[in-house]
Amino acid sequence: MKSAATSLVLFDLDGTLADTAPDLAAVANRQRAARGLPPLPLSELRPLASHGARGMIGRALGLTPDAPEYPAVREQFFDWYEQALCVHTRLFAGVDELLATLEARGIRWGIVTNKIARFTDPLLRALGLRERAACVVCGDTTPHAKPHPEPLRHALRVCGVAPALAVYVGDDQRDVEAGRAAGVRTVVARYGYLGPQARPESWNADDAIDAPADLLRLPGLLP
């Protein structure tokens, strides 16, 4: 689907706008250390960053959400992450320039993430993005999280934009699924947290980019 007059670009957060993996991995390794386990390399934990605490706890401690101790471990992860959620986190190279270009062209942009507001809002403020975004939809803003399309539909309603005039950029299959179900143009951020098993070419996205600046070169994006 190609939009000839994009007026809103929506982004996933972790793995698309910001490289949050170092801080998430630091918490996972802190939990391992508390249990007498050696740290895992960032390269091993990085592909799981888009899956937040569940992905990190699963790889670092081998626990799934049905484990009896999982709720307590997850709350510990949340508490420790909240204490240090923007120590090493940075915008991906080229993101700030991309956002500035969109703003200069009169194209609004927003964020639709599965990260809950408890972490999203302070992180965006630390990164200097909260006041610039036209909308911020978190994992607990609506009753559903991606791949359900409701978070994207909520963003479109907040911004008063029709699906055909919007683009959604993300680095996970659920981002593409949510975007397609919401009727927006979908773009895969291949520079994000795609693991070695990911096959983004099979996700049926409309476009794919290898760097943030590539978004500006997609046909029909800029007016």
N, C-alpha and C. Protein backbone atom coordinates (compact mmCIF):
# COMPACT_ATOMS: atom_id res chain seq x y z
N MET A 1 0.85 -1.19 0.00
CA MET A 1 0.00 0.00 0.00
C MET A 1 0.88 1.23 0.00
N LYS A 2 0.66 2.14 -0.93
CA LYS A 2 1.50 3.32 -1.06
C LYS A 2 0.66 4.58 -0.84
N SER A 3 1.04 5.36 0.14
CA SER A 3 0.32 6.59 0.43
C SER A 3 0.99 7.74 -0.30
N ALA A 4 0.17 8.54 -1.03
CA ALA A 4 0.73 9.64 -1.80
C ALA A 4 0.85 10.91 -0.97
N ALA A 5 0.27 10.94 0.22
CA ALA A 5 0.27 12.17 1.00
C ALA A 5 0.37 11.84 2.48
N THR A 6 1.48 11.30 2.88
CA THR A 6 1.65 10.93 4.29
C THR A 6 1.61 12.17 5.18
N SER A 7 0.80 12.11 6.23
CA SER A 7 0.75 13.23 7.17
C SER A 7 1.12 12.81 8.59
N LEU A 8 1.31 11.49 8.82
CA LEU A 8 1.66 11.01 10.14
C LEU A 8 2.55 9.77 10.01
N VAL A 9 3.70 9.81 10.68
CA VAL A 9 4.59 8.64 10.74
C VAL A 9 4.63 8.17 12.18
N LEU A 10 4.25 6.93 12.39
CA LEU A 10 4.26 6.33 13.73
C LEU A 10 5.43 5.37 13.83
N PHE A 11 6.06 5.33 14.99
CA PHE A 11 7.24 4.50 15.20
C PHE A 11 7.04 3.59 16.42
N ASP A 12 7.56 2.37 16.30
CA ASP A 12 7.81 1.56 17.48
C ASP A 12 8.94 2.24 18.25
N LEU A 13 9.13 1.88 19.51
CA LEU A 13 10.17 2.53 20.31
C LEU A 13 11.44 1.69 20.40
N ASP A 14 11.38 0.58 21.13
CA ASP A 14 12.57 -0.26 21.31
C ASP A 14 12.97 -0.92 20.00
N GLY A 15 14.17 -0.65 19.55
CA GLY A 15 14.66 -1.27 18.32
C GLY A 15 14.31 -0.52 17.07
N THR A 16 13.58 0.59 17.19
CA THR A 16 13.21 1.39 16.02
C THR A 16 13.67 2.83 16.18
N LEU A 17 13.23 3.48 17.25
CA LEU A 17 13.71 4.83 17.55
C LEU A 17 14.92 4.80 18.47
N ALA A 18 14.85 3.95 19.50
CA ALA A 18 15.90 3.95 20.52
C ALA A 18 16.53 2.57 20.68
N ASP A 19 17.83 2.58 20.92
CA ASP A 19 18.57 1.34 21.22
C ASP A 19 18.54 1.17 22.73
N THR A 20 17.53 0.48 23.21
CA THR A 20 17.33 0.28 24.64
C THR A 20 17.96 -1.01 25.15
N ALA A 21 18.48 -1.82 24.25
CA ALA A 21 18.99 -3.14 24.63
C ALA A 21 20.06 -3.10 25.73
N PRO A 22 21.02 -2.17 25.71
CA PRO A 22 22.06 -2.18 26.74
C PRO A 22 21.50 -2.07 28.16
N ASP A 23 20.50 -1.21 28.36
CA ASP A 23 19.95 -1.06 29.71
C ASP A 23 19.07 -2.24 30.10
N LEU A 24 18.33 -2.79 29.16
CA LEU A 24 17.52 -3.98 29.44
C LEU A 24 18.43 -5.17 29.76
N ALA A 25 19.49 -5.32 28.99
CA ALA A 25 20.43 -6.43 29.21
C ALA A 25 21.14 -6.27 30.55
N ALA A 26 21.41 -5.03 30.94
CA ALA A 26 22.08 -4.81 32.22
C ALA A 26 21.22 -5.31 33.39
N VAL A 27 19.91 -5.11 33.29
CA VAL A 27 19.02 -5.60 34.34
C VAL A 27 18.97 -7.12 34.33
N ALA A 28 18.90 -7.70 33.15
CA ALA A 28 18.88 -9.16 33.05
C ALA A 28 20.15 -9.76 33.66
N ASN A 29 21.28 -9.16 33.39
CA ASN A 29 22.53 -9.67 33.95
C ASN A 29 22.64 -9.38 35.44
N ARG A 30 22.01 -8.31 35.91
CA ARG A 30 21.98 -8.07 37.35
C ARG A 30 21.18 -9.17 38.04
N GLN A 31 20.10 -9.60 37.40
CA GLN A 31 19.31 -10.70 37.97
C GLN A 31 20.10 -12.00 37.95
N ARG A 32 20.87 -12.22 36.90
CA ARG A 32 21.72 -13.41 36.85
C ARG A 32 22.77 -13.36 37.96
N ALA A 33 23.38 -12.20 38.14
CA ALA A 33 24.42 -12.07 39.16
C ALA A 33 23.85 -12.34 40.55
N ALA A 34 22.61 -11.89 40.78
CA ALA A 34 21.98 -12.10 42.08
C ALA A 34 21.75 -13.58 42.36
N ARG A 35 21.77 -14.37 41.30
CA ARG A 35 21.57 -15.81 41.44
C ARG A 35 22.86 -16.60 41.22
N GLY A 36 23.97 -15.88 41.24
CA GLY A 36 25.26 -16.53 41.11
C GLY A 36 25.60 -16.99 39.71
N LEU A 37 24.95 -16.40 38.71
CA LEU A 37 25.18 -16.79 37.32
C LEU A 37 26.07 -15.76 36.62
N PRO A 38 26.90 -16.19 35.68
CA PRO A 38 27.76 -15.25 34.95
C PRO A 38 26.94 -14.41 33.98
N PRO A 39 27.44 -13.24 33.61
CA PRO A 39 26.70 -12.39 32.68
C PRO A 39 26.65 -12.99 31.27
N LEU A 40 25.59 -12.66 30.56
CA LEU A 40 25.48 -13.03 29.15
C LEU A 40 25.93 -11.84 28.30
N PRO A 41 26.55 -12.09 27.17
CA PRO A 41 26.97 -10.98 26.31
C PRO A 41 25.76 -10.23 25.75
N LEU A 42 25.95 -8.93 25.53
CA LEU A 42 24.88 -8.11 24.97
C LEU A 42 24.39 -8.67 23.64
N SER A 43 25.30 -9.21 22.85
CA SER A 43 24.93 -9.74 21.54
C SER A 43 23.91 -10.86 21.65
N GLU A 44 23.92 -11.58 22.76
CA GLU A 44 22.99 -12.68 22.96
C GLU A 44 21.63 -12.18 23.43
N LEU A 45 21.62 -11.12 24.20
CA LEU A 45 20.37 -10.59 24.74
C LEU A 45 19.72 -9.55 23.81
N ARG A 46 20.51 -8.92 22.99
CA ARG A 46 20.03 -7.83 22.15
C ARG A 46 18.80 -8.19 21.29
N PRO A 47 18.78 -9.35 20.61
CA PRO A 47 17.62 -9.65 19.76
C PRO A 47 16.32 -9.79 20.54
N LEU A 48 16.40 -9.94 21.86
CA LEU A 48 15.20 -10.12 22.67
C LEU A 48 14.69 -8.82 23.27
N ALA A 49 15.37 -7.73 23.01
CA ALA A 49 15.01 -6.46 23.64
C ALA A 49 13.61 -6.00 23.28
N SER A 50 13.15 -6.28 22.06
CA SER A 50 11.80 -5.87 21.67
C SER A 50 10.73 -6.58 22.48
N HIS A 51 11.09 -7.67 23.11
CA HIS A 51 10.12 -8.44 23.91
C HIS A 51 10.18 -8.08 25.39
N GLY A 52 10.95 -7.04 25.73
CA GLY A 52 10.96 -6.50 27.07
C GLY A 52 11.35 -7.49 28.14
N ALA A 53 10.72 -7.34 29.30
CA ALA A 53 11.06 -8.18 30.46
C ALA A 53 10.85 -9.66 30.17
N ARG A 54 9.78 -9.98 29.48
CA ARG A 54 9.50 -11.40 29.21
C ARG A 54 10.63 -12.04 28.41
N GLY A 55 11.09 -11.34 27.37
CA GLY A 55 12.17 -11.88 26.56
C GLY A 55 13.47 -11.97 27.33
N MET A 56 13.77 -10.94 28.10
CA MET A 56 15.02 -10.92 28.85
C MET A 56 15.04 -11.97 29.95
N ILE A 57 13.94 -12.07 30.69
CA ILE A 57 13.87 -13.06 31.78
C ILE A 57 13.91 -14.47 31.21
N GLY A 58 13.25 -14.66 30.08
CA GLY A 58 13.24 -15.98 29.48
C GLY A 58 14.62 -16.44 29.09
N ARG A 59 15.40 -15.54 28.50
CA ARG A 59 16.75 -15.93 28.07
C ARG A 59 17.73 -15.94 29.23
N ALA A 60 17.63 -14.96 30.11
CA ALA A 60 18.61 -14.84 31.19
C ALA A 60 18.42 -15.87 32.29
N LEU A 61 17.15 -16.17 32.59
CA LEU A 61 16.87 -17.05 33.73
C LEU A 61 16.11 -18.32 33.35
N GLY A 62 15.73 -18.43 32.08
CA GLY A 62 15.02 -19.62 31.65
C GLY A 62 13.62 -19.73 32.22
N LEU A 63 13.00 -18.60 32.55
CA LEU A 63 11.67 -18.60 33.14
C LEU A 63 10.63 -18.13 32.13
N THR A 64 9.50 -18.80 32.11
CA THR A 64 8.38 -18.40 31.28
C THR A 64 7.27 -17.87 32.18
N PRO A 65 6.31 -17.11 31.61
CA PRO A 65 5.26 -16.50 32.44
C PRO A 65 4.44 -17.47 33.27
N ASP A 66 4.45 -18.76 32.94
CA ASP A 66 3.67 -19.71 33.72
C ASP A 66 4.44 -20.28 34.92
N ALA A 67 5.69 -19.87 35.08
CA ALA A 67 6.47 -20.33 36.23
C ALA A 67 5.96 -19.66 37.50
N PRO A 68 5.86 -20.39 38.62
CA PRO A 68 5.32 -19.81 39.86
C PRO A 68 6.07 -18.57 40.33
N GLU A 69 7.39 -18.55 40.11
CA GLU A 69 8.18 -17.41 40.60
C GLU A 69 8.23 -16.25 39.61
N TYR A 70 7.64 -16.43 38.44
CA TYR A 70 7.77 -15.41 37.39
C TYR A 70 7.24 -14.04 37.80
N PRO A 71 6.06 -13.92 38.40
CA PRO A 71 5.57 -12.57 38.76
C PRO A 71 6.53 -11.79 39.64
N ALA A 72 7.13 -12.46 40.62
CA ALA A 72 8.06 -11.76 41.52
C ALA A 72 9.33 -11.37 40.77
N VAL A 73 9.81 -12.26 39.90
CA VAL A 73 11.01 -11.97 39.12
C VAL A 73 10.75 -10.81 38.17
N ARG A 74 9.58 -10.80 37.55
CA ARG A 74 9.24 -9.72 36.63
C ARG A 74 9.16 -8.39 37.37
N GLU A 75 8.56 -8.37 38.55
CA GLU A 75 8.46 -7.12 39.31
C GLU A 75 9.83 -6.63 39.73
N GLN A 76 10.73 -7.56 40.06
CA GLN A 76 12.10 -7.18 40.36
C GLN A 76 12.76 -6.56 39.13
N PHE A 77 12.54 -7.17 37.97
CA PHE A 77 13.08 -6.63 36.71
C PHE A 77 12.55 -5.22 36.50
N PHE A 78 11.24 -5.05 36.67
CA PHE A 78 10.63 -3.73 36.48
C PHE A 78 11.24 -2.69 37.43
N ASP A 79 11.37 -3.05 38.68
CA ASP A 79 11.91 -2.11 39.68
C ASP A 79 13.34 -1.70 39.33
N TRP A 80 14.16 -2.68 38.98
CA TRP A 80 15.55 -2.38 38.66
C TRP A 80 15.68 -1.60 37.35
N TYR A 81 14.84 -1.92 36.38
CA TYR A 81 14.88 -1.19 35.11
C TYR A 81 14.44 0.25 35.31
N GLU A 82 13.42 0.47 36.11
CA GLU A 82 12.93 1.82 36.37
C GLU A 82 14.01 2.70 37.00
N GLN A 83 14.89 2.08 37.77
CA GLN A 83 15.98 2.82 38.43
C GLN A 83 17.07 3.24 37.45
N ALA A 84 17.16 2.56 36.30
CA ALA A 84 18.28 2.83 35.38
C ALA A 84 17.87 2.57 33.94
N LEU A 85 16.81 3.26 33.49
CA LEU A 85 16.29 2.95 32.16
C LEU A 85 16.90 3.79 31.04
N CYS A 86 17.71 4.78 31.41
CA CYS A 86 18.34 5.57 30.35
C CYS A 86 19.79 5.88 30.71
N VAL A 87 20.53 4.83 31.05
CA VAL A 87 21.95 4.96 31.34
C VAL A 87 22.76 4.84 30.05
N HIS A 88 22.49 3.79 29.31
CA HIS A 88 23.20 3.55 28.05
C HIS A 88 22.28 3.65 26.83
N THR A 89 20.99 3.81 27.05
CA THR A 89 20.04 3.92 25.95
C THR A 89 20.28 5.19 25.15
N ARG A 90 20.27 5.05 23.84
CA ARG A 90 20.47 6.19 22.94
C ARG A 90 19.53 6.06 21.74
N LEU A 91 19.23 7.16 21.11
CA LEU A 91 18.54 7.10 19.82
C LEU A 91 19.47 6.45 18.81
N PHE A 92 18.91 5.66 17.91
CA PHE A 92 19.73 5.11 16.85
C PHE A 92 20.31 6.24 16.00
N ALA A 93 21.49 6.03 15.48
CA ALA A 93 22.13 7.05 14.64
C ALA A 93 21.22 7.44 13.49
N GLY A 94 21.00 8.71 13.34
CA GLY A 94 20.17 9.22 12.25
C GLY A 94 18.72 9.46 12.63
N VAL A 95 18.28 8.98 13.80
CA VAL A 95 16.89 9.16 14.20
C VAL A 95 16.55 10.63 14.46
N ASP A 96 17.40 11.32 15.19
CA ASP A 96 17.09 12.72 15.49
C ASP A 96 16.99 13.55 14.22
N GLU A 97 17.88 13.28 13.28
CA GLU A 97 17.85 14.00 12.00
C GLU A 97 16.58 13.65 11.22
N LEU A 98 16.19 12.39 11.28
CA LEU A 98 14.96 11.97 10.61
C LEU A 98 13.75 12.70 11.18
N LEU A 99 13.65 12.73 12.50
CA LEU A 99 12.51 13.39 13.12
C LEU A 99 12.50 14.89 12.82
N ALA A 100 13.68 15.50 12.83
CA ALA A 100 13.77 16.93 12.52
C ALA A 100 13.33 17.21 11.09
N THR A 101 13.67 16.31 10.17
CA THR A 101 13.26 16.49 8.77
C THR A 101 11.77 16.35 8.62
N LEU A 102 11.18 15.36 9.30
CA LEU A 102 9.73 15.22 9.25
C LEU A 102 9.04 16.47 9.78
N GLU A 103 9.54 16.98 10.89
CA GLU A 103 8.95 18.18 11.48
C GLU A 103 9.08 19.37 10.54
N ALA A 104 10.23 19.48 9.89
CA ALA A 104 10.45 20.60 8.97
C ALA A 104 9.53 20.52 7.76
N ARG A 105 9.15 19.30 7.39
CA ARG A 105 8.25 19.11 6.24
C ARG A 105 6.77 19.13 6.65
N GLY A 106 6.51 19.37 7.93
CA GLY A 106 5.13 19.45 8.37
C GLY A 106 4.46 18.10 8.55
N ILE A 107 5.26 17.05 8.69
CA ILE A 107 4.71 15.70 8.91
C ILE A 107 4.82 15.38 10.39
N ARG A 108 3.69 15.14 11.02
CA ARG A 108 3.72 14.79 12.43
C ARG A 108 4.21 13.35 12.62
N TRP A 109 4.74 13.09 13.79
CA TRP A 109 5.19 11.73 14.10
C TRP A 109 4.79 11.38 15.54
N GLY A 110 4.62 10.09 15.76
CA GLY A 110 4.24 9.64 17.08
C GLY A 110 4.83 8.27 17.37
N ILE A 111 4.53 7.76 18.54
CA ILE A 111 5.11 6.50 19.00
C ILE A 111 3.99 5.55 19.42
N VAL A 112 4.08 4.31 18.96
CA VAL A 112 3.17 3.25 19.38
C VAL A 112 4.04 2.08 19.82
N THR A 113 4.06 1.81 21.11
CA THR A 113 4.95 0.82 21.68
C THR A 113 4.20 -0.11 22.61
N ASN A 114 4.72 -1.31 22.79
CA ASN A 114 4.17 -2.22 23.79
C ASN A 114 4.77 -1.97 25.18
N LYS A 115 5.74 -1.07 25.25
CA LYS A 115 6.33 -0.70 26.54
C LYS A 115 5.29 0.05 27.35
N ILE A 116 5.12 -0.30 28.62
CA ILE A 116 4.09 0.34 29.41
C ILE A 116 4.48 1.77 29.77
N ALA A 117 3.47 2.56 30.11
CA ALA A 117 3.69 3.98 30.36
C ALA A 117 4.66 4.23 31.51
N ARG A 118 4.71 3.34 32.47
CA ARG A 118 5.61 3.47 33.62
C ARG A 118 7.05 3.69 33.19
N PHE A 119 7.42 3.09 32.07
CA PHE A 119 8.79 3.23 31.57
C PHE A 119 8.87 4.13 30.34
N THR A 120 7.82 4.12 29.53
CA THR A 120 7.87 4.89 28.28
C THR A 120 7.98 6.38 28.54
N ASP A 121 7.14 6.91 29.40
CA ASP A 121 7.14 8.36 29.62
C ASP A 121 8.46 8.90 30.16
N PRO A 122 9.02 8.31 31.22
CA PRO A 122 10.31 8.84 31.69
C PRO A 122 11.43 8.64 30.69
N LEU A 123 11.38 7.54 29.94
CA LEU A 123 12.43 7.31 28.94
C LEU A 123 12.36 8.36 27.84
N LEU A 124 11.16 8.63 27.35
CA LEU A 124 11.01 9.62 26.28
C LEU A 124 11.41 11.01 26.76
N ARG A 125 11.13 11.32 28.01
CA ARG A 125 11.54 12.62 28.54
C ARG A 125 13.07 12.71 28.62
N ALA A 126 13.68 11.60 29.03
CA ALA A 126 15.14 11.58 29.12
C ALA A 126 15.78 11.71 27.75
N LEU A 127 15.12 11.20 26.74
CA LEU A 127 15.65 11.27 25.38
C LEU A 127 15.25 12.56 24.66
N GLY A 128 14.43 13.37 25.30
CA GLY A 128 14.00 14.63 24.70
C GLY A 128 12.95 14.48 23.61
N LEU A 129 12.16 13.41 23.67
CA LEU A 129 11.18 13.15 22.62
C LEU A 129 9.74 13.37 23.06
N ARG A 130 9.46 13.35 24.36
CA ARG A 130 8.07 13.32 24.82
C ARG A 130 7.27 14.50 24.33
N GLU A 131 7.82 15.68 24.39
CA GLU A 131 7.06 16.88 24.00
C GLU A 131 7.00 17.07 22.50
N ARG A 132 7.87 16.38 21.77
CA ARG A 132 7.88 16.53 20.31
C ARG A 132 6.88 15.61 19.63
N ALA A 133 6.54 14.51 20.26
CA ALA A 133 5.67 13.51 19.63
C ALA A 133 4.22 13.99 19.58
N ALA A 134 3.58 13.74 18.45
CA ALA A 134 2.17 14.10 18.30
C ALA A 134 1.28 13.20 19.13
N CYS A 135 1.73 11.98 19.39
CA CYS A 135 1.00 11.06 20.25
C CYS A 135 1.97 10.01 20.78
N VAL A 136 1.66 9.47 21.93
CA VAL A 136 2.43 8.37 22.51
C VAL A 136 1.42 7.34 23.01
N VAL A 137 1.42 6.18 22.38
CA VAL A 137 0.53 5.10 22.77
C VAL A 137 1.39 3.98 23.35
N CYS A 138 1.14 3.66 24.62
CA CYS A 138 1.95 2.66 25.32
C CYS A 138 1.23 1.31 25.35
N GLY A 139 1.91 0.32 25.88
CA GLY A 139 1.34 -1.01 25.92
C GLY A 139 0.11 -1.12 26.79
N ASP A 140 -0.07 -0.18 27.71
CA ASP A 140 -1.23 -0.19 28.58
C ASP A 140 -2.16 1.01 28.35
N THR A 141 -2.01 1.68 27.22
CA THR A 141 -2.90 2.80 26.89
C THR A 141 -4.28 2.29 26.50
N THR A 142 -4.33 1.19 25.76
CA THR A 142 -5.59 0.58 25.35
C THR A 142 -5.67 -0.81 25.98
N PRO A 143 -6.82 -1.46 25.88
CA PRO A 143 -6.92 -2.81 26.45
C PRO A 143 -6.10 -3.85 25.71
N HIS A 144 -5.55 -3.49 24.56
CA HIS A 144 -4.82 -4.44 23.73
C HIS A 144 -3.41 -3.95 23.45
N ALA A 145 -2.51 -4.89 23.20
CA ALA A 145 -1.15 -4.57 22.76
C ALA A 145 -0.94 -5.13 21.37
N LYS A 146 0.05 -4.64 20.67
CA LYS A 146 0.38 -5.21 19.37
C LYS A 146 0.71 -6.70 19.52
N PRO A 147 0.30 -7.54 18.59
CA PRO A 147 -0.11 -7.25 17.21
C PRO A 147 -1.56 -6.83 17.00
N HIS A 148 -2.32 -6.64 18.05
CA HIS A 148 -3.68 -6.13 17.88
C HIS A 148 -3.59 -4.72 17.29
N PRO A 149 -4.47 -4.38 16.38
CA PRO A 149 -4.39 -3.06 15.72
C PRO A 149 -4.89 -1.89 16.57
N GLU A 150 -5.54 -2.16 17.71
CA GLU A 150 -6.15 -1.07 18.48
C GLU A 150 -5.17 0.03 18.89
N PRO A 151 -3.93 -0.30 19.33
CA PRO A 151 -3.01 0.81 19.66
C PRO A 151 -2.77 1.75 18.49
N LEU A 152 -2.65 1.21 17.29
CA LEU A 152 -2.45 2.07 16.12
C LEU A 152 -3.73 2.83 15.79
N ARG A 153 -4.86 2.18 15.90
CA ARG A 153 -6.12 2.88 15.65
C ARG A 153 -6.31 4.01 16.64
N HIS A 154 -5.90 3.78 17.89
CA HIS A 154 -5.99 4.83 18.91
C HIS A 154 -5.12 6.02 18.53
N ALA A 155 -3.90 5.74 18.06
CA ALA A 155 -3.00 6.82 17.63
C ALA A 155 -3.61 7.62 16.48
N LEU A 156 -4.22 6.93 15.55
CA LEU A 156 -4.85 7.61 14.42
C LEU A 156 -6.00 8.49 14.88
N ARG A 157 -6.79 8.00 15.82
CA ARG A 157 -7.91 8.79 16.35
C ARG A 157 -7.40 10.03 17.09
N VAL A 158 -6.37 9.83 17.91
CA VAL A 158 -5.82 10.96 18.66
C VAL A 158 -5.32 12.06 17.73
N CYS A 159 -4.69 11.64 16.64
CA CYS A 159 -4.10 12.60 15.69
C CYS A 159 -5.09 13.04 14.61
N GLY A 160 -6.25 12.39 14.54
CA GLY A 160 -7.24 12.75 13.53
C GLY A 160 -6.77 12.49 12.12
N VAL A 161 -6.10 11.37 11.93
CA VAL A 161 -5.52 11.03 10.62
C VAL A 161 -6.13 9.73 10.11
N ALA A 162 -6.47 9.70 8.83
CA ALA A 162 -7.00 8.49 8.22
C ALA A 162 -5.88 7.48 8.02
N PRO A 163 -6.17 6.18 8.11
CA PRO A 163 -5.13 5.16 7.94
C PRO A 163 -4.32 5.31 6.65
N ALA A 164 -4.96 5.69 5.57
CA ALA A 164 -4.29 5.78 4.28
C ALA A 164 -3.22 6.88 4.26
N LEU A 165 -3.25 7.77 5.24
CA LEU A 165 -2.30 8.88 5.28
C LEU A 165 -1.21 8.66 6.33
N ALA A 166 -1.14 7.44 6.87
CA ALA A 166 -0.18 7.16 7.94
C ALA A 166 0.76 6.03 7.58
N VAL A 167 1.91 6.03 8.24
CA VAL A 167 2.95 5.02 8.07
C VAL A 167 3.33 4.51 9.46
N TYR A 168 3.59 3.22 9.56
CA TYR A 168 4.08 2.67 10.84
C TYR A 168 5.40 1.95 10.60
N VAL A 169 6.41 2.32 11.39
CA VAL A 169 7.75 1.76 11.27
C VAL A 169 8.05 0.93 12.52
N GLY A 170 8.46 -0.33 12.34
CA GLY A 170 8.79 -1.17 13.48
C GLY A 170 9.75 -2.27 13.09
N ASP A 171 10.32 -2.93 14.08
CA ASP A 171 11.35 -3.93 13.82
C ASP A 171 10.90 -5.35 14.16
N ASP A 172 9.61 -5.55 14.37
CA ASP A 172 9.12 -6.87 14.75
C ASP A 172 7.92 -7.24 13.88
N GLN A 173 7.71 -8.55 13.72
CA GLN A 173 6.59 -9.00 12.91
C GLN A 173 5.26 -8.50 13.44
N ARG A 174 5.14 -8.39 14.77
CA ARG A 174 3.87 -7.93 15.33
C ARG A 174 3.59 -6.48 14.94
N ASP A 175 4.64 -5.69 14.68
CA ASP A 175 4.44 -4.32 14.22
C ASP A 175 3.79 -4.30 12.84
N VAL A 176 4.29 -5.16 11.97
CA VAL A 176 3.73 -5.25 10.63
C VAL A 176 2.30 -5.76 10.68
N GLU A 177 2.06 -6.79 11.49
CA GLU A 177 0.71 -7.33 11.60
C GLU A 177 -0.26 -6.28 12.12
N ALA A 178 0.15 -5.53 13.13
CA ALA A 178 -0.72 -4.49 13.68
C ALA A 178 -0.97 -3.40 12.65
N GLY A 179 0.08 -2.99 11.95
CA GLY A 179 -0.05 -1.95 10.95
C GLY A 179 -0.96 -2.34 9.81
N ARG A 180 -0.79 -3.55 9.31
CA ARG A 180 -1.63 -4.01 8.20
C ARG A 180 -3.09 -4.10 8.64
N ALA A 181 -3.32 -4.60 9.86
CA ALA A 181 -4.69 -4.71 10.35
C ALA A 181 -5.33 -3.34 10.55
N ALA A 182 -4.51 -2.34 10.85
CA ALA A 182 -5.02 -0.98 11.04
C ALA A 182 -5.15 -0.22 9.72
N GLY A 183 -4.63 -0.79 8.64
CA GLY A 183 -4.76 -0.17 7.33
C GLY A 183 -3.73 0.88 7.00
N VAL A 184 -2.58 0.89 7.73
CA VAL A 184 -1.55 1.88 7.45
C VAL A 184 -0.41 1.24 6.64
N ARG A 185 0.37 2.08 6.05
CA ARG A 185 1.56 1.61 5.32
C ARG A 185 2.59 1.12 6.34
N THR A 186 3.16 -0.04 6.10
CA THR A 186 4.08 -0.64 7.08
C THR A 186 5.51 -0.67 6.54
N VAL A 187 6.45 -0.37 7.45
CA VAL A 187 7.87 -0.34 7.10
C VAL A 187 8.64 -1.11 8.16
N VAL A 188 9.47 -2.06 7.73
CA VAL A 188 10.31 -2.82 8.65
C VAL A 188 11.64 -2.10 8.85
N ALA A 189 12.02 -1.88 10.11
CA ALA A 189 13.33 -1.31 10.44
C ALA A 189 14.31 -2.47 10.59
N ARG A 190 15.02 -2.78 9.53
CA ARG A 190 15.91 -3.95 9.56
C ARG A 190 17.15 -3.71 10.42
N TYR A 191 17.39 -2.46 10.83
CA TYR A 191 18.54 -2.17 11.69
C TYR A 191 18.23 -2.47 13.16
N GLY A 192 16.98 -2.85 13.47
CA GLY A 192 16.55 -3.04 14.85
C GLY A 192 16.92 -4.39 15.43
N TYR A 193 16.02 -4.92 16.26
CA TYR A 193 16.34 -6.12 17.04
C TYR A 193 15.87 -7.41 16.36
N LEU A 194 16.07 -7.50 15.07
CA LEU A 194 15.74 -8.72 14.37
C LEU A 194 16.79 -9.78 14.70
N GLY A 195 16.35 -10.88 15.25
CA GLY A 195 17.28 -11.96 15.56
C GLY A 195 17.67 -12.73 14.31
N PRO A 196 18.60 -13.67 14.44
CA PRO A 196 19.08 -14.43 13.28
C PRO A 196 18.00 -15.28 12.63
N GLN A 197 16.94 -15.58 13.38
CA GLN A 197 15.87 -16.40 12.82
C GLN A 197 14.78 -15.57 12.13
N ALA A 198 14.86 -14.26 12.25
CA ALA A 198 13.82 -13.40 11.68
C ALA A 198 13.86 -13.43 10.16
N ARG A 199 12.71 -13.45 9.54
CA ARG A 199 12.58 -13.44 8.08
C ARG A 199 11.63 -12.31 7.70
N PRO A 200 12.10 -11.07 7.80
CA PRO A 200 11.20 -9.93 7.56
C PRO A 200 10.60 -9.90 6.15
N GLU A 201 11.27 -10.54 5.21
CA GLU A 201 10.73 -10.56 3.85
C GLU A 201 9.42 -11.35 3.78
N SER A 202 9.16 -12.16 4.79
CA SER A 202 7.92 -12.96 4.80
C SER A 202 6.81 -12.28 5.59
N TRP A 203 7.05 -11.08 6.11
CA TRP A 203 6.06 -10.41 6.96
C TRP A 203 5.02 -9.62 6.16
N ASN A 204 5.23 -9.49 4.87
CA ASN A 204 4.30 -8.76 3.99
C ASN A 204 4.21 -7.28 4.32
N ALA A 205 5.34 -6.71 4.72
CA ALA A 205 5.38 -5.25 4.93
C ALA A 205 5.42 -4.56 3.57
N ASP A 206 5.05 -3.29 3.56
CA ASP A 206 5.07 -2.53 2.32
C ASP A 206 6.48 -2.13 1.92
N ASP A 207 7.33 -1.86 2.91
CA ASP A 207 8.69 -1.41 2.64
C ASP A 207 9.61 -1.88 3.76
N ALA A 208 10.92 -1.76 3.54
CA ALA A 208 11.91 -2.07 4.56
C ALA A 208 13.05 -1.09 4.43
N ILE A 209 13.67 -0.74 5.57
CA ILE A 209 14.79 0.20 5.56
C ILE A 209 15.94 -0.37 6.39
N ASP A 210 17.15 0.00 6.01
CA ASP A 210 18.35 -0.47 6.71
C ASP A 210 18.95 0.59 7.62
N ALA A 211 18.42 1.80 7.56
CA ALA A 211 18.87 2.90 8.42
C ALA A 211 17.72 3.89 8.51
N PRO A 212 17.63 4.65 9.60
CA PRO A 212 16.53 5.61 9.73
C PRO A 212 16.39 6.57 8.55
N ALA A 213 17.51 7.06 8.04
CA ALA A 213 17.45 8.02 6.93
C ALA A 213 16.82 7.44 5.68
N ASP A 214 16.85 6.11 5.55
CA ASP A 214 16.25 5.48 4.36
C ASP A 214 14.76 5.75 4.26
N LEU A 215 14.12 6.02 5.39
CA LEU A 215 12.69 6.27 5.38
C LEU A 215 12.35 7.46 4.49
N LEU A 216 13.22 8.45 4.49
CA LEU A 216 12.95 9.67 3.73
C LEU A 216 13.02 9.43 2.23
N ARG A 217 13.61 8.32 1.82
CA ARG A 217 13.76 8.04 0.39
C ARG A 217 12.68 7.10 -0.14
N LEU A 218 11.76 6.70 0.70
CA LEU A 218 10.69 5.83 0.24
C LEU A 218 9.74 6.60 -0.68
N PRO A 219 9.32 6.01 -1.76
CA PRO A 219 8.42 6.70 -2.69
C PRO A 219 7.11 7.12 -2.01
N GLY A 220 6.73 8.37 -2.23
CA GLY A 220 5.45 8.84 -1.75
C GLY A 220 5.41 9.25 -0.30
N LEU A 221 6.55 9.21 0.39
CA LEU A 221 6.50 9.54 1.83
C LEU A 221 6.43 11.05 2.05
N LEU A 222 7.38 11.76 1.48
CA LEU A 222 7.43 13.21 1.70
C LEU A 222 6.57 13.94 0.68
N PRO A 223 5.89 14.99 1.12
CA PRO A 223 5.06 15.77 0.20
C PRO A 223 5.91 16.57 -0.77
